[in-house]
Amino acid sequence: MKKLLVTGAAGFIGSNFVRYWSANNPDDRIVALDALTYAGNRKNLTTLLNNSQFSFVKGDICDLALVESLLDEHEIDTVVHFAAESHVDRSISGPDAFVHTNIVGTHTLLKAVRKHWLEGTRNDKHLFHHISTDEVYGTLTADGPAFTETTPFAPNSPYAASKASSDHLVRAYHNTYGLNTTTTNCSNNYGPYQFPEKLIPLMIANCIDEKPLPVYGEGLNVR
């Protein structure tokens, strides 16, 4: 039985993950941590609130004392880290929150799990899974090669730079301290419970409402 701490669990991707994992691994224990900012909604987790293997905690990943208490109390062996400020436009108008949550928050989690898993009674059966973005690789040109795991980082926005920084921190904790880590760099996820400011739901909603479709640059971006 795994004991998971899922950060950003009330957000779009986090809540979908939690529902999927609970349905397919009913014996596993899930602790959901979310600050419930504008993009987090506890109603996304309504179907799990009466599940004895699930618990919800409202809190900030930058709160070291809280994170350490959850790791200790629930004997967490797996962290799935979704929590992030993730809107590019918001990062341009107000980058401070992105630096705080995406960099400081990720480092807070890494410090806590290092202490919990690697110091004292060592737990080698642990995993820190970090959810990142393809934005860290920069802009893909029409005639350029597809991104791979070895593509050099070239972030072009405060959001992308903050996520690239967090990716580097996760890698550093693996190489320096032996923390078991994995990272996924996702591209334009879409699906149920997504906040309407994101690309796919925004385009669909604007089509339905007969509003203009927002296009950045000359509309030649490649994914």
C-alpha atoms as a PDB file:
ATOM      1  CA  MET A   1       0.000   0.000   0.000  1.00  0.00           C
ATOM      2  CA  LYS A   2       1.338   3.395  -1.002  1.00  0.00           C
ATOM      3  CA  LYS A   3       0.823   6.558   1.006  1.00  0.00           C
ATOM      4  CA  LEU A   4       0.703   9.567  -1.300  1.00  0.00           C
ATOM      5  CA  LEU A   5       0.893  13.286  -0.684  1.00  0.00           C
ATOM      6  CA  VAL A   6      -0.592  15.024  -3.727  1.00  0.00           C
ATOM      7  CA  THR A   7       0.029  18.770  -3.922  1.00  0.00           C
ATOM      8  CA  GLY A   8      -2.309  20.960  -5.957  1.00  0.00           C
ATOM      9  CA  ALA A   9      -4.872  18.187  -5.643  1.00  0.00           C
ATOM     10  CA  ALA A  10      -7.905  20.459  -6.045  1.00  0.00           C
ATOM     11  CA  GLY A  11      -6.695  21.862  -9.344  1.00  0.00           C
ATOM     12  CA  PHE A  12      -7.433  20.595 -12.829  1.00  0.00           C
ATOM     13  CA  ILE A  13      -4.729  17.956 -13.369  1.00  0.00           C
ATOM     14  CA  GLY A  14      -4.304  17.159  -9.682  1.00  0.00           C
ATOM     15  CA  SER A  15      -7.969  16.361  -9.100  1.00  0.00           C
ATOM     16  CA  ASN A  16      -8.129  14.177 -12.198  1.00  0.00           C
ATOM     17  CA  PHE A  17      -5.058  12.300 -11.005  1.00  0.00           C
ATOM     18  CA  VAL A  18      -6.447  11.816  -7.501  1.00  0.00           C
ATOM     19  CA  ARG A  19      -9.764  10.441  -8.770  1.00  0.00           C
ATOM     20  CA  TYR A  20      -7.982   8.134 -11.231  1.00  0.00           C
ATOM     21  CA  TRP A  21      -5.483   6.874  -8.664  1.00  0.00           C
ATOM     22  CA  SER A  22      -8.134   6.277  -6.015  1.00  0.00           C
ATOM     23  CA  ALA A  23     -10.347   4.338  -8.436  1.00  0.00           C
ATOM     24  CA  ASN A  24      -7.472   2.135  -9.613  1.00  0.00           C
ATOM     25  CA  ASN A  25      -5.614   1.765  -6.310  1.00  0.00           C
ATOM     26  CA  PRO A  26      -8.368   1.732  -3.674  1.00  0.00           C
ATOM     27  CA  ASP A  27      -6.107   0.480  -0.881  1.00  0.00           C
ATOM     28  CA  ASP A  28      -3.645   3.347  -1.211  1.00  0.00           C
ATOM     29  CA  ARG A  29      -3.814   6.292   1.157  1.00  0.00           C
ATOM     30  CA  ILE A  30      -4.058   9.765  -0.433  1.00  0.00           C
ATOM     31  CA  VAL A  31      -3.458  13.048   1.390  1.00  0.00           C
ATOM     32  CA  ALA A  32      -4.486  15.981  -0.806  1.00  0.00           C
ATOM     33  CA  LEU A  33      -2.809  19.334  -0.114  1.00  0.00           C
ATOM     34  CA  ASP A  34      -4.056  22.490  -1.818  1.00  0.00           C
ATOM     35  CA  ALA A  35      -4.030  26.201  -0.983  1.00  0.00           C
ATOM     36  CA  LEU A  36      -7.345  26.652  -2.847  1.00  0.00           C
ATOM     37  CA  THR A  37      -6.229  29.664  -4.861  1.00  0.00           C
ATOM     38  CA  TYR A  38      -8.365  30.894  -7.758  1.00  0.00           C
ATOM     39  CA  ALA A  39      -7.700  27.759  -9.868  1.00  0.00           C
ATOM     40  CA  GLY A  40      -8.260  25.231  -7.061  1.00  0.00           C
ATOM     41  CA  ASN A  41     -11.740  24.060  -6.187  1.00  0.00           C
ATOM     42  CA  ARG A  42     -12.530  21.592  -3.422  1.00  0.00           C
ATOM     43  CA  LYS A  43     -15.681  20.610  -5.322  1.00  0.00           C
ATOM     44  CA  ASN A  44     -13.388  18.867  -7.832  1.00  0.00           C
ATOM     45  CA  LEU A  45     -12.838  16.271  -5.099  1.00  0.00           C
ATOM     46  CA  THR A  46     -16.445  15.893  -3.949  1.00  0.00           C
ATOM     47  CA  THR A  47     -16.654  12.217  -4.950  1.00  0.00           C
ATOM     48  CA  LEU A  48     -13.751  11.388  -2.621  1.00  0.00           C
ATOM     49  CA  LEU A  49     -14.685  13.318   0.517  1.00  0.00           C
ATOM     50  CA  ASN A  50     -16.381  10.284   2.119  1.00  0.00           C
ATOM     51  CA  ASN A  51     -13.566   7.911   1.179  1.00  0.00           C
ATOM     52  CA  SER A  52     -11.762   6.689   4.313  1.00  0.00           C
ATOM     53  CA  GLN A  53      -8.499   6.414   2.356  1.00  0.00           C
ATOM     54  CA  PHE A  54      -8.621  10.074   1.345  1.00  0.00           C
ATOM     55  CA  SER A  55      -8.098  13.244   3.329  1.00  0.00           C
ATOM     56  CA  PHE A  56      -7.959  16.889   2.277  1.00  0.00           C
ATOM     57  CA  VAL A  57      -5.752  19.560   3.843  1.00  0.00           C
ATOM     58  CA  LYS A  58      -5.946  23.238   2.935  1.00  0.00           C
ATOM     59  CA  GLY A  59      -2.429  24.601   3.082  1.00  0.00           C
ATOM     60  CA  ASP A  60       0.566  26.118   1.343  1.00  0.00           C
ATOM     61  CA  ILE A  61       3.463  24.022   0.022  1.00  0.00           C
ATOM     62  CA  CYS A  62       5.777  26.813   1.241  1.00  0.00           C
ATOM     63  CA  ASP A  63       4.757  26.016   4.843  1.00  0.00           C
ATOM     64  CA  LEU A  64       7.625  23.751   5.877  1.00  0.00           C
ATOM     65  CA  ALA A  65       6.168  22.878   9.269  1.00  0.00           C
ATOM     66  CA  LEU A  66       2.878  21.803   7.695  1.00  0.00           C
ATOM     67  CA  VAL A  67       4.565  19.692   5.013  1.00  0.00           C
ATOM     68  CA  GLU A  68       6.809  17.980   7.572  1.00  0.00           C
ATOM     69  CA  SER A  69       3.845  17.232   9.832  1.00  0.00           C
ATOM     70  CA  LEU A  70       1.907  15.620   6.964  1.00  0.00           C
ATOM     71  CA  LEU A  71       4.884  13.483   5.951  1.00  0.00           C
ATOM     72  CA  ASP A  72       5.339  12.292   9.531  1.00  0.00           C
ATOM     73  CA  GLU A  73       1.680  11.853  10.490  1.00  0.00           C
ATOM     74  CA  HIS A  74       0.725   9.887   7.381  1.00  0.00           C
ATOM     75  CA  GLU A  75       4.086   8.146   6.825  1.00  0.00           C
ATOM     76  CA  ILE A  76       4.139   9.401   3.227  1.00  0.00           C
ATOM     77  CA  ASP A  77       6.317   7.432   0.797  1.00  0.00           C
ATOM     78  CA  THR A  78       5.268   9.134  -2.475  1.00  0.00           C
ATOM     79  CA  VAL A  79       4.855  12.813  -3.325  1.00  0.00           C
ATOM     80  CA  VAL A  80       3.120  13.807  -6.559  1.00  0.00           C
ATOM     81  CA  HIS A  81       3.761  17.513  -6.980  1.00  0.00           C
ATOM     82  CA  PHE A  82       1.174  19.332  -9.115  1.00  0.00           C
ATOM     83  CA  ALA A  83       0.932  22.580  -7.116  1.00  0.00           C
ATOM     84  CA  ALA A  84       2.070  25.554  -9.179  1.00  0.00           C
ATOM     85  CA  GLU A  85       1.217  28.959 -10.502  1.00  0.00           C
ATOM     86  CA  SER A  86       0.746  28.093 -14.157  1.00  0.00           C
ATOM     87  CA  HIS A  87      -0.699  30.920 -16.246  1.00  0.00           C
ATOM     88  CA  VAL A  88       1.815  32.566 -18.594  1.00  0.00           C
ATOM     89  CA  ASP A  89      -0.006  35.898 -18.870  1.00  0.00           C
ATOM     90  CA  ARG A  90      -0.339  36.167 -15.084  1.00  0.00           C
ATOM     91  CA  SER A  91       3.390  35.501 -14.728  1.00  0.00           C
ATOM     92  CA  ILE A  92       4.144  38.450 -17.007  1.00  0.00           C
ATOM     93  CA  SER A  93       1.987  40.892 -15.040  1.00  0.00           C
ATOM     94  CA  GLY A  94       2.944  39.505 -11.614  1.00  0.00           C
ATOM     95  CA  PRO A  95       5.970  37.173 -11.504  1.00  0.00           C
ATOM     96  CA  ASP A  96       6.492  37.240  -7.713  1.00  0.00           C
ATOM     97  CA  ALA A  97       3.849  34.597  -6.986  1.00  0.00           C
ATOM     98  CA  PHE A  98       5.397  32.291  -9.579  1.00  0.00           C
ATOM     99  CA  VAL A  99       8.845  32.543  -8.052  1.00  0.00           C
ATOM    100  CA  HIS A 100       7.415  31.978  -4.569  1.00  0.00           C
ATOM    101  CA  THR A 101       5.193  28.983  -5.326  1.00  0.00           C
ATOM    102  CA  ASN A 102       7.052  27.270  -8.147  1.00  0.00           C
ATOM    103  CA  ILE A 103      10.612  27.703  -6.875  1.00  0.00           C
ATOM    104  CA  VAL A 104      10.404  28.262  -3.111  1.00  0.00           C
ATOM    105  CA  GLY A 105       7.464  25.878  -2.771  1.00  0.00           C
ATOM    106  CA  THR A 106       9.181  23.078  -4.664  1.00  0.00           C
ATOM    107  CA  HIS A 107      12.357  23.568  -2.627  1.00  0.00           C
ATOM    108  CA  THR A 108      10.339  23.446   0.587  1.00  0.00           C
ATOM    109  CA  LEU A 109       8.893  20.080  -0.433  1.00  0.00           C
ATOM    110  CA  LEU A 110      12.310  18.744  -1.413  1.00  0.00           C
ATOM    111  CA  LYS A 111      13.836  19.810   1.914  1.00  0.00           C
ATOM    112  CA  ALA A 112      11.017  18.143   3.803  1.00  0.00           C
ATOM    113  CA  VAL A 113      11.130  14.826   1.950  1.00  0.00           C
ATOM    114  CA  ARG A 114      14.930  14.706   2.150  1.00  0.00           C
ATOM    115  CA  LYS A 115      14.683  14.957   5.928  1.00  0.00           C
ATOM    116  CA  HIS A 116      11.791  12.507   6.124  1.00  0.00           C
ATOM    117  CA  TRP A 117      13.096   9.860   3.718  1.00  0.00           C
ATOM    118  CA  LEU A 118      16.888  10.116   3.769  1.00  0.00           C
ATOM    119  CA  GLU A 119      17.812  11.105   7.305  1.00  0.00           C
ATOM    120  CA  GLY A 120      17.434   8.891  10.376  1.00  0.00           C
ATOM    121  CA  THR A 121      15.559   5.712   9.420  1.00  0.00           C
ATOM    122  CA  ARG A 122      16.233   5.747   5.688  1.00  0.00           C
ATOM    123  CA  ASN A 123      13.356   4.880   3.332  1.00  0.00           C
ATOM    124  CA  ASP A 124      14.678   3.854  -0.095  1.00  0.00           C
ATOM    125  CA  LYS A 125      11.205   2.965  -1.378  1.00  0.00           C
ATOM    126  CA  HIS A 126      10.196   6.562  -1.943  1.00  0.00           C
ATOM    127  CA  LEU A 127       9.401   8.700  -4.978  1.00  0.00           C
ATOM    128  CA  PHE A 128       9.110  12.423  -5.623  1.00  0.00           C
ATOM    129  CA  HIS A 129       7.262  12.954  -8.908  1.00  0.00           C
ATOM    130  CA  HIS A 130       7.419  16.504 -10.243  1.00  0.00           C
ATOM    131  CA  ILE A 131       4.901  17.821 -12.787  1.00  0.00           C
ATOM    132  CA  SER A 132       6.481  20.373 -15.118  1.00  0.00           C
ATOM    133  CA  THR A 133       5.846  21.884 -18.550  1.00  0.00           C
ATOM    134  CA  ASP A 134       7.236  21.851 -22.069  1.00  0.00           C
ATOM    135  CA  GLU A 135       7.504  25.643 -21.734  1.00  0.00           C
ATOM    136  CA  VAL A 136      10.929  25.115 -20.145  1.00  0.00           C
ATOM    137  CA  TYR A 137      12.270  24.200 -23.614  1.00  0.00           C
ATOM    138  CA  GLY A 138      11.268  27.510 -25.176  1.00  0.00           C
ATOM    139  CA  THR A 139       9.656  28.026 -28.564  1.00  0.00           C
ATOM    140  CA  LEU A 140       9.394  25.214 -31.112  1.00  0.00           C
ATOM    141  CA  THR A 141       9.812  26.514 -34.648  1.00  0.00           C
ATOM    142  CA  ALA A 142       7.954  25.053 -37.610  1.00  0.00           C
ATOM    143  CA  ASP A 143      11.124  23.518 -39.054  1.00  0.00           C
ATOM    144  CA  GLY A 144      12.842  22.730 -35.755  1.00  0.00           C
ATOM    145  CA  PRO A 145      13.274  19.257 -34.244  1.00  0.00           C
ATOM    146  CA  ALA A 146      10.729  18.049 -31.709  1.00  0.00           C
ATOM    147  CA  PHE A 147      11.587  18.528 -28.057  1.00  0.00           C
ATOM    148  CA  THR A 148      13.133  15.568 -26.225  1.00  0.00           C
ATOM    149  CA  GLU A 149      14.301  15.026 -22.665  1.00  0.00           C
ATOM    150  CA  THR A 150      17.754  16.234 -23.698  1.00  0.00           C
ATOM    151  CA  THR A 151      16.630  19.499 -25.331  1.00  0.00           C
ATOM    152  CA  PRO A 152      18.422  22.439 -23.646  1.00  0.00           C
ATOM    153  CA  PHE A 153      16.225  24.647 -21.478  1.00  0.00           C
ATOM    154  CA  ALA A 154      15.325  28.024 -22.988  1.00  0.00           C
ATOM    155  CA  PRO A 155      12.411  29.472 -20.954  1.00  0.00           C
ATOM    156  CA  ASN A 156      10.859  32.634 -22.404  1.00  0.00           C
ATOM    157  CA  SER A 157       8.456  33.779 -19.660  1.00  0.00           C
ATOM    158  CA  PRO A 158       8.634  34.167 -15.877  1.00  0.00           C
ATOM    159  CA  TYR A 159       6.346  31.133 -15.612  1.00  0.00           C
ATOM    160  CA  ALA A 160       8.615  28.992 -17.778  1.00  0.00           C
ATOM    161  CA  ALA A 161      11.714  30.212 -15.943  1.00  0.00           C
ATOM    162  CA  SER A 162      10.177  29.376 -12.566  1.00  0.00           C
ATOM    163  CA  LYS A 163       9.297  25.860 -13.729  1.00  0.00           C
ATOM    164  CA  ALA A 164      12.759  25.377 -15.243  1.00  0.00           C
ATOM    165  CA  SER A 165      14.220  26.394 -11.882  1.00  0.00           C
ATOM    166  CA  SER A 166      12.063  23.868 -10.076  1.00  0.00           C
ATOM    167  CA  ASP A 167      13.074  21.156 -12.562  1.00  0.00           C
ATOM    168  CA  HIS A 168      16.731  21.909 -11.841  1.00  0.00           C
ATOM    169  CA  LEU A 169      16.117  21.733  -8.093  1.00  0.00           C
ATOM    170  CA  VAL A 170      14.478  18.304  -8.422  1.00  0.00           C
ATOM    171  CA  ARG A 171      17.391  17.082 -10.539  1.00  0.00           C
ATOM    172  CA  ALA A 172      19.886  18.519  -8.056  1.00  0.00           C
ATOM    173  CA  TYR A 173      18.267  16.743  -5.107  1.00  0.00           C
ATOM    174  CA  HIS A 174      18.455  13.473  -7.040  1.00  0.00           C
ATOM    175  CA  ASN A 175      22.095  13.884  -8.011  1.00  0.00           C
ATOM    176  CA  THR A 176      23.281  15.420  -4.732  1.00  0.00           C
ATOM    177  CA  TYR A 177      21.316  13.530  -2.100  1.00  0.00           C
ATOM    178  CA  GLY A 178      20.114  10.385  -3.888  1.00  0.00           C
ATOM    179  CA  LEU A 179      16.437  11.322  -3.750  1.00  0.00           C
ATOM    180  CA  ASN A 180      14.352   9.138  -6.071  1.00  0.00           C
ATOM    181  CA  THR A 181      12.738  11.578  -8.481  1.00  0.00           C
ATOM    182  CA  THR A 182      10.905  11.675 -11.802  1.00  0.00           C
ATOM    183  CA  THR A 183       9.739  14.668 -13.843  1.00  0.00           C
ATOM    184  CA  THR A 184       7.143  14.960 -16.586  1.00  0.00           C
ATOM    185  CA  ASN A 185       7.060  17.941 -18.963  1.00  0.00           C
ATOM    186  CA  CYS A 186       3.472  18.241 -20.153  1.00  0.00           C
ATOM    187  CA  SER A 187       2.023  20.222 -23.072  1.00  0.00           C
ATOM    188  CA  ASN A 188      -1.453  21.823 -23.175  1.00  0.00           C
ATOM    189  CA  ASN A 189      -3.321  19.333 -21.029  1.00  0.00           C
ATOM    190  CA  TYR A 190      -7.090  19.529 -21.263  1.00  0.00           C
ATOM    191  CA  GLY A 191     -10.078  17.724 -19.831  1.00  0.00           C
ATOM    192  CA  PRO A 192     -12.730  17.747 -17.084  1.00  0.00           C
ATOM    193  CA  TYR A 193     -12.539  20.381 -14.327  1.00  0.00           C
ATOM    194  CA  GLN A 194     -10.076  22.583 -16.224  1.00  0.00           C
ATOM    195  CA  PHE A 195     -10.089  26.268 -15.312  1.00  0.00           C
ATOM    196  CA  PRO A 196     -11.680  28.209 -18.206  1.00  0.00           C
ATOM    197  CA  GLU A 197      -8.709  30.564 -18.754  1.00  0.00           C
ATOM    198  CA  LYS A 198      -6.664  27.734 -20.315  1.00  0.00           C
ATOM    199  CA  LEU A 199      -6.294  27.365 -24.091  1.00  0.00           C
ATOM    200  CA  ILE A 200      -8.643  24.494 -24.988  1.00  0.00           C
ATOM    201  CA  PRO A 201     -11.637  25.436 -22.761  1.00  0.00           C
ATOM    202  CA  LEU A 202     -11.141  29.120 -23.601  1.00  0.00           C
ATOM    203  CA  MET A 203     -11.325  28.420 -27.350  1.00  0.00           C
ATOM    204  CA  ILE A 204     -14.376  26.179 -26.934  1.00  0.00           C
ATOM    205  CA  ALA A 205     -16.180  28.682 -24.689  1.00  0.00           C
ATOM    206  CA  ASN A 206     -15.444  31.573 -27.046  1.00  0.00           C
ATOM    207  CA  CYS A 207     -16.700  29.574 -30.018  1.00  0.00           C
ATOM    208  CA  ILE A 208     -19.928  28.786 -28.193  1.00  0.00           C
ATOM    209  CA  ASP A 209     -20.362  32.432 -27.171  1.00  0.00           C
ATOM    210  CA  GLU A 210     -19.355  33.664 -30.658  1.00  0.00           C
ATOM    211  CA  LYS A 211     -16.446  35.657 -29.226  1.00  0.00           C
ATOM    212  CA  PRO A 212     -13.066  36.255 -30.926  1.00  0.00           C
ATOM    213  CA  LEU A 213     -10.468  33.502 -30.527  1.00  0.00           C
ATOM    214  CA  PRO A 214      -7.296  34.842 -28.873  1.00  0.00           C
ATOM    215  CA  VAL A 215      -4.226  34.288 -31.037  1.00  0.00           C
ATOM    216  CA  TYR A 216      -0.698  35.030 -29.844  1.00  0.00           C
ATOM    217  CA  GLY A 217       1.841  36.345 -32.329  1.00  0.00           C
ATOM    218  CA  GLU A 218       0.992  35.332 -35.878  1.00  0.00           C
ATOM    219  CA  GLY A 219      -0.708  32.082 -34.900  1.00  0.00           C
ATOM    220  CA  LEU A 220       2.191  29.945 -36.131  1.00  0.00           C
ATOM    221  CA  ASN A 221       3.094  28.350 -32.811  1.00  0.00           C
ATOM    222  CA  VAL A 222       3.875  24.641 -33.016  1.00  0.00           C
ATOM    223  CA  ARG A 223       3.228  21.887 -30.488  1.00  0.00           C
END
